[in-house]
Structures are given as structure tokens and as C-alpha cells.
Amino acid sequence: MNILKLFLGTIIGLIVSFIFGSVVFNFLTGVPPFENLNVLNYGSLSGKALSIGAIPNIGLFYLFLNKDNYYSARGVILSFIIIGLFVLLS
């Protein structure tokens, strides 16, 4: 059960980061990111947009902490680590 909460927090954190990062990417380039997955074609810019997109995860982290979902909050931290690795490798 705790592994499921960790996985849920990780997936929600990645989805929120990807959506907000796509909005930032669209704002910076004017190119719709969901059309042919253009986010993945712009290597350095997509990493920057995704790292800026991780900012709403801070609110998500505190939301999980206030609801006493500690494993989901750990999942959000894991999503930060995954995003950090993506930014370093892109």
C-alpha cells in the first residue's frame, strides 16, 4: 500500500511538471509542445522548461504533507530527482 502511494506521488509530480513545463515551453517558443512531441526535440530548452515546470510540485508536496500522506510526499521528492536527472542528461 505504501509503495502505491509513493508511485502515485511520483506520477502526479511528473504529470504536473510536464503540464506546467509545456505551458512554459509554449510561452518561450510559441510552438505547441503537444504537436509531434516538440518538447523532446528542443534538448536544452525542454530541460529548462521542465525544471521551471517543477515549481508547482512544491505546493503539491506541502499538500501531501498537510494531508498526512507522507509516502506521496516522498514520491513528489522522487519526481524532483527524476526531473533533475533529465535536466542533467538533456
PDB file of N, CA and C in Angstrom:
ATOM      1  N   MET A   1       0.818  -1.202   0.000  1.00  0.00           N
ATOM      2  CA  MET A   1       0.000   0.000   0.000  1.00  0.00           C
ATOM      3  C   MET A   1       0.861   1.265   0.000  1.00  0.00           C
ATOM      4  N   ASN A   2       1.961   1.250   0.776  1.00  0.00           N
ATOM      5  CA  ASN A   2       2.832   2.422   0.829  1.00  0.00           C
ATOM      6  C   ASN A   2       3.579   2.624  -0.480  1.00  0.00           C
ATOM      7  N   ILE A   3       3.929   1.519  -1.143  1.00  0.00           N
ATOM      8  CA  ILE A   3       4.607   1.618  -2.442  1.00  0.00           C
ATOM      9  C   ILE A   3       3.669   2.254  -3.460  1.00  0.00           C
ATOM     10  N   LEU A   4       2.389   1.930  -3.383  1.00  0.00           N
ATOM     11  CA  LEU A   4       1.393   2.504  -4.293  1.00  0.00           C
ATOM     12  C   LEU A   4       1.279   4.011  -4.078  1.00  0.00           C
ATOM     13  N   LYS A   5       1.302   4.451  -2.827  1.00  0.00           N
ATOM     14  CA  LYS A   5       1.250   5.883  -2.538  1.00  0.00           C
ATOM     15  C   LYS A   5       2.507   6.591  -3.033  1.00  0.00           C
ATOM     16  N   LEU A   6       3.658   5.951  -2.898  1.00  0.00           N
ATOM     17  CA  LEU A   6       4.906   6.516  -3.407  1.00  0.00           C
ATOM     18  C   LEU A   6       4.851   6.650  -4.925  1.00  0.00           C
ATOM     19  N   PHE A   7       4.366   5.605  -5.587  1.00  0.00           N
ATOM     20  CA  PHE A   7       4.238   5.618  -7.044  1.00  0.00           C
ATOM     21  C   PHE A   7       3.238   6.685  -7.489  1.00  0.00           C
ATOM     22  N   LEU A   8       2.130   6.815  -6.768  1.00  0.00           N
ATOM     23  CA  LEU A   8       1.117   7.810  -7.096  1.00  0.00           C
ATOM     24  C   LEU A   8       1.674   9.223  -6.965  1.00  0.00           C
ATOM     25  N   GLY A   9       2.415   9.494  -5.910  1.00  0.00           N
ATOM     26  CA  GLY A   9       3.033  10.804  -5.738  1.00  0.00           C
ATOM     27  C   GLY A   9       4.050  11.117  -6.819  1.00  0.00           C
ATOM     28  N   THR A  10       4.797  10.103  -7.229  1.00  0.00           N
ATOM     29  CA  THR A  10       5.785  10.296  -8.292  1.00  0.00           C
ATOM     30  C   THR A  10       5.100  10.605  -9.619  1.00  0.00           C
ATOM     31  N   ILE A  11       4.072   9.836  -9.955  1.00  0.00           N
ATOM     32  CA  ILE A  11       3.369  10.042 -11.224  1.00  0.00           C
ATOM     33  C   ILE A  11       2.676  11.402 -11.244  1.00  0.00           C
ATOM     34  N   ILE A  12       2.007  11.772 -10.155  1.00  0.00           N
ATOM     35  CA  ILE A  12       1.336  13.074 -10.103  1.00  0.00           C
ATOM     36  C   ILE A  12       2.357  14.206 -10.212  1.00  0.00           C
ATOM     37  N   GLY A  13       3.489  14.074  -9.539  1.00  0.00           N
ATOM     38  CA  GLY A  13       4.534  15.088  -9.627  1.00  0.00           C
ATOM     39  C   GLY A  13       5.090  15.239 -11.029  1.00  0.00           C
ATOM     40  N   LEU A  14       5.294  14.124 -11.724  1.00  0.00           N
ATOM     41  CA  LEU A  14       5.804  14.191 -13.096  1.00  0.00           C
ATOM     42  C   LEU A  14       4.771  14.780 -14.050  1.00  0.00           C
ATOM     43  N   ILE A  15       3.504  14.427 -13.860  1.00  0.00           N
ATOM     44  CA  ILE A  15       2.452  14.948 -14.738  1.00  0.00           C
ATOM     45  C   ILE A  15       2.292  16.460 -14.552  1.00  0.00           C
ATOM     46  N   VAL A  16       2.283  16.915 -13.297  1.00  0.00           N
ATOM     47  CA  VAL A  16       2.160  18.347 -13.036  1.00  0.00           C
ATOM     48  C   VAL A  16       3.357  19.099 -13.618  1.00  0.00           C
ATOM     49  N   SER A  17       4.539  18.550 -13.471  1.00  0.00           N
ATOM     50  CA  SER A  17       5.745  19.196 -14.021  1.00  0.00           C
ATOM     51  C   SER A  17       5.704  19.235 -15.535  1.00  0.00           C
ATOM     52  N   PHE A  18       5.239  18.150 -16.151  1.00  0.00           N
ATOM     53  CA  PHE A  18       5.196  18.115 -17.607  1.00  0.00           C
ATOM     54  C   PHE A  18       4.165  19.097 -18.152  1.00  0.00           C
ATOM     55  N   ILE A  19       3.008  19.183 -17.504  1.00  0.00           N
ATOM     56  CA  ILE A  19       1.973  20.106 -17.981  1.00  0.00           C
ATOM     57  C   ILE A  19       2.415  21.557 -17.811  1.00  0.00           C
ATOM     58  N   PHE A  20       2.895  21.904 -16.630  1.00  0.00           N
ATOM     59  CA  PHE A  20       3.338  23.276 -16.398  1.00  0.00           C
ATOM     60  C   PHE A  20       4.570  23.601 -17.240  1.00  0.00           C
ATOM     61  N   GLY A  21       5.479  22.638 -17.401  1.00  0.00           N
ATOM     62  CA  GLY A  21       6.644  22.846 -18.264  1.00  0.00           C
ATOM     63  C   GLY A  21       6.265  23.027 -19.715  1.00  0.00           C
ATOM     64  N   SER A  22       5.219  22.345 -20.161  1.00  0.00           N
ATOM     65  CA  SER A  22       4.744  22.510 -21.536  1.00  0.00           C
ATOM     66  C   SER A  22       4.151  23.890 -21.747  1.00  0.00           C
ATOM     67  N   VAL A  23       3.467  24.410 -20.737  1.00  0.00           N
ATOM     68  CA  VAL A  23       2.933  25.774 -20.824  1.00  0.00           C
ATOM     69  C   VAL A  23       4.081  26.772 -20.910  1.00  0.00           C
ATOM     70  N   VAL A  24       5.115  26.581 -20.109  1.00  0.00           N
ATOM     71  CA  VAL A  24       6.289  27.458 -20.148  1.00  0.00           C
ATOM     72  C   VAL A  24       6.990  27.340 -21.499  1.00  0.00           C
ATOM     73  N   PHE A  25       7.110  26.115 -22.020  1.00  0.00           N
ATOM     74  CA  PHE A  25       7.740  25.890 -23.319  1.00  0.00           C
ATOM     75  C   PHE A  25       6.969  26.606 -24.424  1.00  0.00           C
ATOM     76  N   ASN A  26       5.649  26.533 -24.375  1.00  0.00           N
ATOM     77  CA  ASN A  26       4.824  27.213 -25.365  1.00  0.00           C
ATOM     78  C   ASN A  26       4.981  28.720 -25.253  1.00  0.00           C
ATOM     79  N   PHE A  27       5.111  29.220 -24.039  1.00  0.00           N
ATOM     80  CA  PHE A  27       5.295  30.649 -23.837  1.00  0.00           C
ATOM     81  C   PHE A  27       6.646  31.111 -24.369  1.00  0.00           C
ATOM     82  N   LEU A  28       7.709  30.307 -24.185  1.00  0.00           N
ATOM     83  CA  LEU A  28       9.052  30.702 -24.617  1.00  0.00           C
ATOM     84  C   LEU A  28       9.251  30.589 -26.115  1.00  0.00           C
ATOM     85  N   THR A  29       8.686  29.549 -26.736  1.00  0.00           N
ATOM     86  CA  THR A  29       8.958  29.310 -28.150  1.00  0.00           C
ATOM     87  C   THR A  29       7.801  29.646 -29.067  1.00  0.00           C
ATOM     88  N   GLY A  30       6.600  29.624 -28.570  1.00  0.00           N
ATOM     89  CA  GLY A  30       5.432  29.833 -29.416  1.00  0.00           C
ATOM     90  C   GLY A  30       5.042  28.598 -30.202  1.00  0.00           C
ATOM     91  N   VAL A  31       5.727  27.497 -29.967  1.00  0.00           N
ATOM     92  CA  VAL A  31       5.457  26.233 -30.648  1.00  0.00           C
ATOM     93  C   VAL A  31       4.610  25.373 -29.728  1.00  0.00           C
ATOM     94  N   PRO A  32       3.491  24.828 -30.218  1.00  0.00           N
ATOM     95  CA  PRO A  32       2.699  23.955 -29.345  1.00  0.00           C
ATOM     96  C   PRO A  32       3.474  22.686 -29.002  1.00  0.00           C
ATOM     97  N   PRO A  33       3.663  22.396 -27.717  1.00  0.00           N
ATOM     98  CA  PRO A  33       4.526  21.284 -27.319  1.00  0.00           C
ATOM     99  C   PRO A  33       3.913  19.910 -27.556  1.00  0.00           C
ATOM    100  N   PHE A  34       2.596  19.816 -27.612  1.00  0.00           N
ATOM    101  CA  PHE A  34       1.970  18.503 -27.752  1.00  0.00           C
ATOM    102  C   PHE A  34       1.827  18.080 -29.203  1.00  0.00           C
ATOM    103  N   GLU A  35       2.176  18.944 -30.130  1.00  0.00           N
ATOM    104  CA  GLU A  35       2.112  18.617 -31.545  1.00  0.00           C
ATOM    105  C   GLU A  35       3.412  17.916 -31.930  1.00  0.00           C
ATOM    106  N   ASN A  36       3.344  16.627 -32.182  1.00  0.00           N
ATOM    107  CA  ASN A  36       4.501  15.783 -32.526  1.00  0.00           C
ATOM    108  C   ASN A  36       5.547  15.749 -31.419  1.00  0.00           C
ATOM    109  N   LEU A  37       5.141  15.991 -30.187  1.00  0.00           N
ATOM    110  CA  LEU A  37       6.034  16.000 -29.019  1.00  0.00           C
ATOM    111  C   LEU A  37       7.272  16.865 -29.248  1.00  0.00           C
ATOM    112  N   ASN A  38       7.028  18.123 -29.608  1.00  0.00           N
ATOM    113  CA  ASN A  38       8.120  19.059 -29.867  1.00  0.00           C
ATOM    114  C   ASN A  38       8.961  19.348 -28.639  1.00  0.00           C
ATOM    115  N   VAL A  39       8.444  19.056 -27.471  1.00  0.00           N
ATOM    116  CA  VAL A  39       9.209  19.305 -26.239  1.00  0.00           C
ATOM    117  C   VAL A  39      10.486  18.481 -26.247  1.00  0.00           C
ATOM    118  N   LEU A  40      10.414  17.274 -26.774  1.00  0.00           N
ATOM    119  CA  LEU A  40      11.580  16.389 -26.763  1.00  0.00           C
ATOM    120  C   LEU A  40      12.606  16.746 -27.840  1.00  0.00           C
ATOM    121  N   ASN A  41      12.207  17.515 -28.865  1.00  0.00           N
ATOM    122  CA  ASN A  41      13.124  17.874 -29.936  1.00  0.00           C
ATOM    123  C   ASN A  41      14.062  19.015 -29.552  1.00  0.00           C
ATOM    124  N   TYR A  42      13.633  19.885 -28.672  1.00  0.00           N
ATOM    125  CA  TYR A  42      14.450  21.002 -28.227  1.00  0.00           C
ATOM    126  C   TYR A  42      15.139  20.585 -26.933  1.00  0.00           C
ATOM    127  N   GLY A  43      16.340  20.056 -27.017  1.00  0.00           N
ATOM    128  CA  GLY A  43      17.008  19.452 -25.872  1.00  0.00           C
ATOM    129  C   GLY A  43      17.228  20.367 -24.692  1.00  0.00           C
ATOM    130  N   SER A  44      18.008  21.430 -24.873  1.00  0.00           N
ATOM    131  CA  SER A  44      18.353  22.267 -23.724  1.00  0.00           C
ATOM    132  C   SER A  44      17.161  23.095 -23.256  1.00  0.00           C
ATOM    133  N   LEU A  45      16.341  23.536 -24.186  1.00  0.00           N
ATOM    134  CA  LEU A  45      15.184  24.344 -23.808  1.00  0.00           C
ATOM    135  C   LEU A  45      14.128  23.519 -23.093  1.00  0.00           C
ATOM    136  N   SER A  46      13.985  22.258 -23.482  1.00  0.00           N
ATOM    137  CA  SER A  46      12.989  21.415 -22.809  1.00  0.00           C
ATOM    138  C   SER A  46      13.421  21.119 -21.377  1.00  0.00           C
ATOM    139  N   GLY A  47      14.707  20.961 -21.148  1.00  0.00           N
ATOM    140  CA  GLY A  47      15.193  20.748 -19.792  1.00  0.00           C
ATOM    141  C   GLY A  47      14.945  21.957 -18.906  1.00  0.00           C
ATOM    142  N   LYS A  48      15.156  23.139 -19.464  1.00  0.00           N
ATOM    143  CA  LYS A  48      14.907  24.360 -18.695  1.00  0.00           C
ATOM    144  C   LYS A  48      13.414  24.527 -18.413  1.00  0.00           C
ATOM    145  N   ALA A  49      12.599  24.261 -19.417  1.00  0.00           N
ATOM    146  CA  ALA A  49      11.149  24.405 -19.231  1.00  0.00           C
ATOM    147  C   ALA A  49      10.634  23.391 -18.216  1.00  0.00           C
ATOM    148  N   LEU A  50      11.167  22.172 -18.243  1.00  0.00           N
ATOM    149  CA  LEU A  50      10.717  21.157 -17.300  1.00  0.00           C
ATOM    150  C   LEU A  50      11.196  21.466 -15.886  1.00  0.00           C
ATOM    151  N   SER A  51      12.381  22.030 -15.753  1.00  0.00           N
ATOM    152  CA  SER A  51      12.846  22.381 -14.416  1.00  0.00           C
ATOM    153  C   SER A  51      12.037  23.546 -13.845  1.00  0.00           C
ATOM    154  N   ILE A  52      11.641  24.493 -14.681  1.00  0.00           N
ATOM    155  CA  ILE A  52      10.744  25.558 -14.222  1.00  0.00           C
ATOM    156  C   ILE A  52       9.363  24.977 -13.949  1.00  0.00           C
ATOM    157  N   GLY A  53       8.989  23.967 -14.719  1.00  0.00           N
ATOM    158  CA  GLY A  53       7.699  23.320 -14.520  1.00  0.00           C
ATOM    159  C   GLY A  53       7.608  22.551 -13.224  1.00  0.00           C
ATOM    160  N   ALA A  54       8.725  22.304 -12.576  1.00  0.00           N
ATOM    161  CA  ALA A  54       8.718  21.579 -11.310  1.00  0.00           C
ATOM    162  C   ALA A  54       8.353  22.468 -10.122  1.00  0.00           C
ATOM    163  N   ILE A  55       8.235  23.758 -10.342  1.00  0.00           N
ATOM    164  CA  ILE A  55       7.919  24.678  -9.243  1.00  0.00           C
ATOM    165  C   ILE A  55       6.566  24.369  -8.597  1.00  0.00           C
ATOM    166  N   PRO A  56       5.508  24.060  -9.359  1.00  0.00           N
ATOM    167  CA  PRO A  56       4.234  23.737  -8.681  1.00  0.00           C
ATOM    168  C   PRO A  56       4.292  22.474  -7.820  1.00  0.00           C
ATOM    169  N   ASN A  57       5.313  21.661  -8.007  1.00  0.00           N
ATOM    170  CA  ASN A  57       5.451  20.465  -7.170  1.00  0.00           C
ATOM    171  C   ASN A  57       5.714  20.809  -5.707  1.00  0.00           C
ATOM    172  N   ILE A  58       6.218  22.003  -5.450  1.00  0.00           N
ATOM    173  CA  ILE A  58       6.428  22.418  -4.062  1.00  0.00           C
ATOM    174  C   ILE A  58       5.084  22.519  -3.352  1.00  0.00           C
ATOM    175  N   GLY A  59       4.104  23.109  -4.023  1.00  0.00           N
ATOM    176  CA  GLY A  59       2.763  23.179  -3.454  1.00  0.00           C
ATOM    177  C   GLY A  59       2.139  21.808  -3.296  1.00  0.00           C
ATOM    178  N   LEU A  60       2.380  20.946  -4.281  1.00  0.00           N
ATOM    179  CA  LEU A  60       1.869  19.579  -4.209  1.00  0.00           C
ATOM    180  C   LEU A  60       2.509  18.824  -3.048  1.00  0.00           C
ATOM    181  N   PHE A  61       3.793  19.055  -2.824  1.00  0.00           N
ATOM    182  CA  PHE A  61       4.493  18.426  -1.707  1.00  0.00           C
ATOM    183  C   PHE A  61       3.873  18.829  -0.369  1.00  0.00           C
ATOM    184  N   TYR A  62       3.641  20.134  -0.192  1.00  0.00           N
ATOM    185  CA  TYR A  62       3.044  20.595   1.057  1.00  0.00           C
ATOM    186  C   TYR A  62       1.595  20.156   1.203  1.00  0.00           C
ATOM    187  N   LEU A  63       0.883  20.021   0.101  1.00  0.00           N
ATOM    188  CA  LEU A  63      -0.479  19.494   0.163  1.00  0.00           C
ATOM    189  C   LEU A  63      -0.487  18.069   0.694  1.00  0.00           C
ATOM    190  N   PHE A  64       0.424  17.245   0.187  1.00  0.00           N
ATOM    191  CA  PHE A  64       0.515  15.870   0.683  1.00  0.00           C
ATOM    192  C   PHE A  64       0.955  15.821   2.145  1.00  0.00           C
ATOM    193  N   LEU A  65       1.846  16.727   2.537  1.00  0.00           N
ATOM    194  CA  LEU A  65       2.268  16.753   3.938  1.00  0.00           C
ATOM    195  C   LEU A  65       1.120  17.148   4.868  1.00  0.00           C
ATOM    196  N   ASN A  66       0.321  18.114   4.453  1.00  0.00           N
ATOM    197  CA  ASN A  66      -0.797  18.549   5.292  1.00  0.00           C
ATOM    198  C   ASN A  66      -1.885  17.486   5.394  1.00  0.00           C
ATOM    199  N   LYS A  67      -2.000  16.634   4.384  1.00  0.00           N
ATOM    200  CA  LYS A  67      -2.986  15.552   4.412  1.00  0.00           C
ATOM    201  C   LYS A  67      -2.417  14.286   5.052  1.00  0.00           C
ATOM    202  N   ASP A  68      -1.210  14.362   5.591  1.00  0.00           N
ATOM    203  CA  ASP A  68      -0.510  13.234   6.228  1.00  0.00           C
ATOM    204  C   ASP A  68      -0.280  12.072   5.276  1.00  0.00           C
ATOM    205  N   ASN A  69      -0.088  12.357   4.011  1.00  0.00           N
ATOM    206  CA  ASN A  69       0.290  11.353   3.010  1.00  0.00           C
ATOM    207  C   ASN A  69       1.802  11.444   2.805  1.00  0.00           C
ATOM    208  N   TYR A  70       2.548  10.920   3.761  1.00  0.00           N
ATOM    209  CA  TYR A  70       3.992  11.077   3.742  1.00  0.00           C
ATOM    210  C   TYR A  70       4.646  10.308   2.598  1.00  0.00           C
ATOM    211  N   TYR A  71       4.096   9.175   2.235  1.00  0.00           N
ATOM    212  CA  TYR A  71       4.678   8.410   1.132  1.00  0.00           C
ATOM    213  C   TYR A  71       4.426   9.100  -0.212  1.00  0.00           C
ATOM    214  N   SER A  72       3.284   9.741  -0.366  1.00  0.00           N
ATOM    215  CA  SER A  72       3.035  10.505  -1.584  1.00  0.00           C
ATOM    216  C   SER A  72       3.952  11.717  -1.649  1.00  0.00           C
ATOM    217  N   ALA A  73       4.231  12.340  -0.509  1.00  0.00           N
ATOM    218  CA  ALA A  73       5.171  13.463  -0.476  1.00  0.00           C
ATOM    219  C   ALA A  73       6.571  12.990  -0.850  1.00  0.00           C
ATOM    220  N   ARG A  74       6.937  11.785  -0.418  1.00  0.00           N
ATOM    221  CA  ARG A  74       8.223  11.219  -0.839  1.00  0.00           C
ATOM    222  C   ARG A  74       8.241  10.947  -2.333  1.00  0.00           C
ATOM    223  N   GLY A  75       7.104  10.581  -2.890  1.00  0.00           N
ATOM    224  CA  GLY A  75       7.006  10.375  -4.330  1.00  0.00           C
ATOM    225  C   GLY A  75       7.224  11.667  -5.102  1.00  0.00           C
ATOM    226  N   VAL A  76       6.736  12.782  -4.558  1.00  0.00           N
ATOM    227  CA  VAL A  76       6.964  14.081  -5.198  1.00  0.00           C
ATOM    228  C   VAL A  76       8.452  14.420  -5.160  1.00  0.00           C
ATOM    229  N   ILE A  77       9.116  14.106  -4.058  1.00  0.00           N
ATOM    230  CA  ILE A  77      10.565  14.321  -3.984  1.00  0.00           C
ATOM    231  C   ILE A  77      11.281  13.439  -5.002  1.00  0.00           C
ATOM    232  N   LEU A  78      10.808  12.205  -5.171  1.00  0.00           N
ATOM    233  CA  LEU A  78      11.391  11.321  -6.183  1.00  0.00           C
ATOM    234  C   LEU A  78      11.190  11.895  -7.584  1.00  0.00           C
ATOM    235  N   SER A  79      10.049  12.538  -7.826  1.00  0.00           N
ATOM    236  CA  SER A  79       9.841  13.157  -9.136  1.00  0.00           C
ATOM    237  C   SER A  79      10.813  14.322  -9.343  1.00  0.00           C
ATOM    238  N   PHE A  80      11.142  15.064  -8.261  1.00  0.00           N
ATOM    239  CA  PHE A  80      12.165  16.106  -8.370  1.00  0.00           C
ATOM    240  C   PHE A  80      13.501  15.500  -8.789  1.00  0.00           C
ATOM    241  N   ILE A  81      13.846  14.365  -8.232  1.00  0.00           N
ATOM    242  CA  ILE A  81      15.110  13.702  -8.568  1.00  0.00           C
ATOM    243  C   ILE A  81      15.105  13.248 -10.021  1.00  0.00           C
ATOM    244  N   ILE A  82      14.004  12.681 -10.475  1.00  0.00           N
ATOM    245  CA  ILE A  82      13.893  12.232 -11.870  1.00  0.00           C
ATOM    246  C   ILE A  82      14.001  13.418 -12.818  1.00  0.00           C
ATOM    247  N   ILE A  83      13.342  14.521 -12.490  1.00  0.00           N
ATOM    248  CA  ILE A  83      13.419  15.724 -13.330  1.00  0.00           C
ATOM    249  C   ILE A  83      14.847  16.268 -13.340  1.00  0.00           C
ATOM    250  N   GLY A  84      15.499  16.254 -12.190  1.00  0.00           N
ATOM    251  CA  GLY A  84      16.889  16.703 -12.131  1.00  0.00           C
ATOM    252  C   GLY A  84      17.808  15.871 -12.995  1.00  0.00           C
ATOM    253  N   LEU A  85      17.606  14.563 -12.996  1.00  0.00           N
ATOM    254  CA  LEU A  85      18.414  13.708 -13.861  1.00  0.00           C
ATOM    255  C   LEU A  85      18.128  13.984 -15.334  1.00  0.00           C
ATOM    256  N   PHE A  86      16.856  14.233 -15.670  1.00  0.00           N
ATOM    257  CA  PHE A  86      16.520  14.559 -17.049  1.00  0.00           C
ATOM    258  C   PHE A  86      17.181  15.858 -17.491  1.00  0.00           C
ATOM    259  N   VAL A  87      17.180  16.859 -16.615  1.00  0.00           N
ATOM    260  CA  VAL A  87      17.799  18.137 -16.945  1.00  0.00           C
ATOM    261  C   VAL A  87      19.309  17.981 -17.116  1.00  0.00           C
ATOM    262  N   LEU A  88      19.945  17.174 -16.273  1.00  0.00           N
ATOM    263  CA  LEU A  88      21.381  16.965 -16.395  1.00  0.00           C
ATOM    264  C   LEU A  88      21.744  16.207 -17.670  1.00  0.00           C
ATOM    265  N   LEU A  89      20.906  15.279 -18.079  1.00  0.00           N
ATOM    266  CA  LEU A  89      21.222  14.469 -19.248  1.00  0.00           C
ATOM    267  C   LEU A  89      20.782  15.090 -20.565  1.00  0.00           C
ATOM    268  N   SER A  90      19.943  16.121 -20.522  1.00  0.00           N
ATOM    269  CA  SER A  90      19.496  16.732 -21.792  1.00  0.00           C
ATOM    270  C   SER A  90      20.395  17.859 -22.227  1.00  0.00           C
TER     271      SER A  90
END
